[in-house]
Structure formats: structure tokens, C-alpha cells
Amino acid sequence: MKFAALKDARIELKTSSSVKANLQKAAQISGQDLTSFVLVSAEARAREVMEQYSRLTLMSEAHGALLDALMSPAKPTKGLRDLMADEPLVRR
């Protein structure tokens, strides 16, 4: 996380006293202030979640079926060929 970046957004949250105490202790142990500790931890977890969301995991059988489909695509149908021959709806 780049701390030199312009800080133009605010996050507010409520928690219990025990959770806050745990976060403060962990921040102190890691040599950070509470805000930095929470933000760095939350951002790292957010990156993990987004990476997991963007990764496609297939079982062995599904993986083989996907590879087969990619290596031997179906022939275009008449309807698809007609559609592709039409004038585009948007001109660039």
C-alpha cells in the first residue's frame, strides 16, 4: 500500500472493546499505528479475495472438456454467419 498517495476517502467502523484491544496490541507488536495496521491487513486480504475470485479452478474432467472445446471449436451455425454478415449496430 502506498502511503504517499492522496488520502481522499474515509472508512469508519464500530467494533467491540476486545477486538479493538487485540488490533491495537497486534499493531504495537508489528511496529505500526492502529490505522496503518488495519488498512494494510484489510488491503492484503482484499487482494487475496479478488485473486481467488478471478482464478478459475476446474476439476480434472471439466479441465479436459474445456481443452477439447478450445482445441476443436464447433463450426459456426448459419444463424451466427448471418448475424456476423449484418451491418454493425455501432460505427467506430
C-alpha atoms as a PDB file:
ATOM      1  CA  MET A   1       0.000   0.000   0.000  1.00  0.00           C
ATOM      2  CA  LYS A   2       1.408   3.392  -0.963  1.00  0.00           C
ATOM      3  CA  PHE A   3       1.097   5.822   1.911  1.00  0.00           C
ATOM      4  CA  ALA A   4       2.329   8.714  -0.219  1.00  0.00           C
ATOM      5  CA  ALA A   5      -0.853   8.538  -2.295  1.00  0.00           C
ATOM      6  CA  LEU A   6      -3.511  11.181  -1.738  1.00  0.00           C
ATOM      7  CA  LYS A   7      -5.841  10.039   1.015  1.00  0.00           C
ATOM      8  CA  ASP A   8      -9.221  11.193  -0.218  1.00  0.00           C
ATOM      9  CA  ALA A   9     -11.572   8.566   1.252  1.00  0.00           C
ATOM     10  CA  ARG A  10     -12.609   7.729   4.774  1.00  0.00           C
ATOM     11  CA  ILE A  11     -13.672   4.460   6.399  1.00  0.00           C
ATOM     12  CA  GLU A  12     -15.403   4.431   9.745  1.00  0.00           C
ATOM     13  CA  LEU A  13     -16.280   1.325  11.708  1.00  0.00           C
ATOM     14  CA  LYS A  14     -17.526   0.249  15.089  1.00  0.00           C
ATOM     15  CA  THR A  15     -16.210  -2.768  16.955  1.00  0.00           C
ATOM     16  CA  SER A  16     -16.107  -4.235  20.419  1.00  0.00           C
ATOM     17  CA  SER A  17     -13.560  -3.160  23.010  1.00  0.00           C
ATOM     18  CA  SER A  18     -11.913  -6.581  22.947  1.00  0.00           C
ATOM     19  CA  VAL A  19     -11.461  -6.579  19.167  1.00  0.00           C
ATOM     20  CA  LYS A  20     -10.031  -3.060  19.291  1.00  0.00           C
ATOM     21  CA  ALA A  21      -7.633  -4.089  22.065  1.00  0.00           C
ATOM     22  CA  ASN A  22      -6.464  -7.100  20.032  1.00  0.00           C
ATOM     23  CA  LEU A  23      -5.917  -4.936  16.959  1.00  0.00           C
ATOM     24  CA  GLN A  24      -4.018  -2.331  18.985  1.00  0.00           C
ATOM     25  CA  LYS A  25      -1.789  -4.990  20.540  1.00  0.00           C
ATOM     26  CA  ALA A  26      -1.059  -6.575  17.156  1.00  0.00           C
ATOM     27  CA  ALA A  27      -0.336  -3.148  15.656  1.00  0.00           C
ATOM     28  CA  GLN A  28       2.032  -2.350  18.509  1.00  0.00           C
ATOM     29  CA  ILE A  29       3.845  -5.680  18.139  1.00  0.00           C
ATOM     30  CA  SER A  30       4.263  -5.083  14.402  1.00  0.00           C
ATOM     31  CA  GLY A  31       5.503  -1.533  14.948  1.00  0.00           C
ATOM     32  CA  GLN A  32       2.555   0.171  13.288  1.00  0.00           C
ATOM     33  CA  ASP A  33      -0.148   2.518  14.416  1.00  0.00           C
ATOM     34  CA  LEU A  34      -3.659   1.082  14.562  1.00  0.00           C
ATOM     35  CA  THR A  35      -4.860   2.730  11.349  1.00  0.00           C
ATOM     36  CA  SER A  36      -1.888   1.521   9.307  1.00  0.00           C
ATOM     37  CA  PHE A  37      -2.173  -1.986  10.738  1.00  0.00           C
ATOM     38  CA  VAL A  38      -5.887  -2.253   9.924  1.00  0.00           C
ATOM     39  CA  LEU A  39      -5.517  -0.786   6.425  1.00  0.00           C
ATOM     40  CA  VAL A  40      -2.506  -2.894   5.443  1.00  0.00           C
ATOM     41  CA  SER A  41      -4.161  -6.053   6.769  1.00  0.00           C
ATOM     42  CA  ALA A  42      -7.500  -5.312   5.111  1.00  0.00           C
ATOM     43  CA  GLU A  43      -5.894  -4.454   1.785  1.00  0.00           C
ATOM     44  CA  ALA A  44      -3.826  -7.658   1.794  1.00  0.00           C
ATOM     45  CA  ARG A  45      -6.953  -9.710   2.498  1.00  0.00           C
ATOM     46  CA  ALA A  46      -8.869  -7.832  -0.220  1.00  0.00           C
ATOM     47  CA  ARG A  47      -6.156  -8.718  -2.759  1.00  0.00           C
ATOM     48  CA  GLU A  48      -6.371 -12.402  -1.730  1.00  0.00           C
ATOM     49  CA  VAL A  49     -10.148 -12.438  -2.121  1.00  0.00           C
ATOM     50  CA  MET A  50     -10.011 -10.743  -5.525  1.00  0.00           C
ATOM     51  CA  GLU A  51      -7.302 -13.127  -6.737  1.00  0.00           C
ATOM     52  CA  GLN A  52      -9.327 -16.145  -5.645  1.00  0.00           C
ATOM     53  CA  TYR A  53     -12.407 -14.702  -7.341  1.00  0.00           C
ATOM     54  CA  SER A  54     -10.574 -14.154 -10.628  1.00  0.00           C
ATOM     55  CA  ARG A  55      -8.956 -17.598 -10.709  1.00  0.00           C
ATOM     56  CA  LEU A  56     -10.793 -20.407 -12.469  1.00  0.00           C
ATOM     57  CA  THR A  57     -10.376 -23.809 -10.889  1.00  0.00           C
ATOM     58  CA  LEU A  58     -11.596 -26.879 -12.742  1.00  0.00           C
ATOM     59  CA  MET A  59     -11.793 -30.489 -11.768  1.00  0.00           C
ATOM     60  CA  SER A  60      -9.782 -32.844 -13.981  1.00  0.00           C
ATOM     61  CA  GLU A  61     -12.767 -33.944 -16.088  1.00  0.00           C
ATOM     62  CA  ALA A  62     -14.003 -30.371 -16.645  1.00  0.00           C
ATOM     63  CA  HIS A  63     -10.455 -29.253 -17.463  1.00  0.00           C
ATOM     64  CA  GLY A  64     -10.235 -31.880 -20.204  1.00  0.00           C
ATOM     65  CA  ALA A  65     -13.630 -30.896 -21.612  1.00  0.00           C
ATOM     66  CA  LEU A  66     -12.606 -27.227 -21.696  1.00  0.00           C
ATOM     67  CA  LEU A  67      -9.351 -28.032 -23.501  1.00  0.00           C
ATOM     68  CA  ASP A  68     -11.239 -30.195 -26.016  1.00  0.00           C
ATOM     69  CA  ALA A  69     -13.693 -27.357 -26.693  1.00  0.00           C
ATOM     70  CA  LEU A  70     -10.874 -24.849 -27.135  1.00  0.00           C
ATOM     71  CA  MET A  71      -8.853 -27.122 -29.408  1.00  0.00           C
ATOM     72  CA  SER A  72     -11.840 -28.204 -31.527  1.00  0.00           C
ATOM     73  CA  PRO A  73     -14.324 -25.351 -31.619  1.00  0.00           C
ATOM     74  CA  ALA A  74     -17.764 -26.003 -33.063  1.00  0.00           C
ATOM     75  CA  LYS A  75     -18.442 -24.874 -36.621  1.00  0.00           C
ATOM     76  CA  PRO A  76     -20.390 -21.614 -36.812  1.00  0.00           C
ATOM     77  CA  THR A  77     -24.095 -22.070 -37.448  1.00  0.00           C
ATOM     78  CA  LYS A  78     -25.965 -20.413 -40.326  1.00  0.00           C
ATOM     79  CA  GLY A  79     -27.573 -18.068 -37.810  1.00  0.00           C
ATOM     80  CA  LEU A  80     -24.190 -16.963 -36.495  1.00  0.00           C
ATOM     81  CA  ARG A  81     -22.798 -16.478 -40.006  1.00  0.00           C
ATOM     82  CA  ASP A  82     -25.880 -14.396 -40.947  1.00  0.00           C
ATOM     83  CA  LEU A  83     -25.541 -12.320 -37.788  1.00  0.00           C
ATOM     84  CA  MET A  84     -21.864 -11.645 -38.428  1.00  0.00           C
ATOM     85  CA  ALA A  85     -22.655 -10.602 -42.018  1.00  0.00           C
ATOM     86  CA  ASP A  86     -25.101  -7.904 -40.840  1.00  0.00           C
ATOM     87  CA  GLU A  87     -24.092  -4.257 -40.657  1.00  0.00           C
ATOM     88  CA  PRO A  88     -22.687  -3.324 -37.231  1.00  0.00           C
ATOM     89  CA  LEU A  89     -25.064  -1.504 -34.887  1.00  0.00           C
ATOM     90  CA  VAL A  90     -22.336   0.917 -33.846  1.00  0.00           C
ATOM     91  CA  ARG A  91     -19.908   2.541 -36.200  1.00  0.00           C
ATOM     92  CA  ARG A  92     -16.436   3.469 -34.982  1.00  0.00           C
END
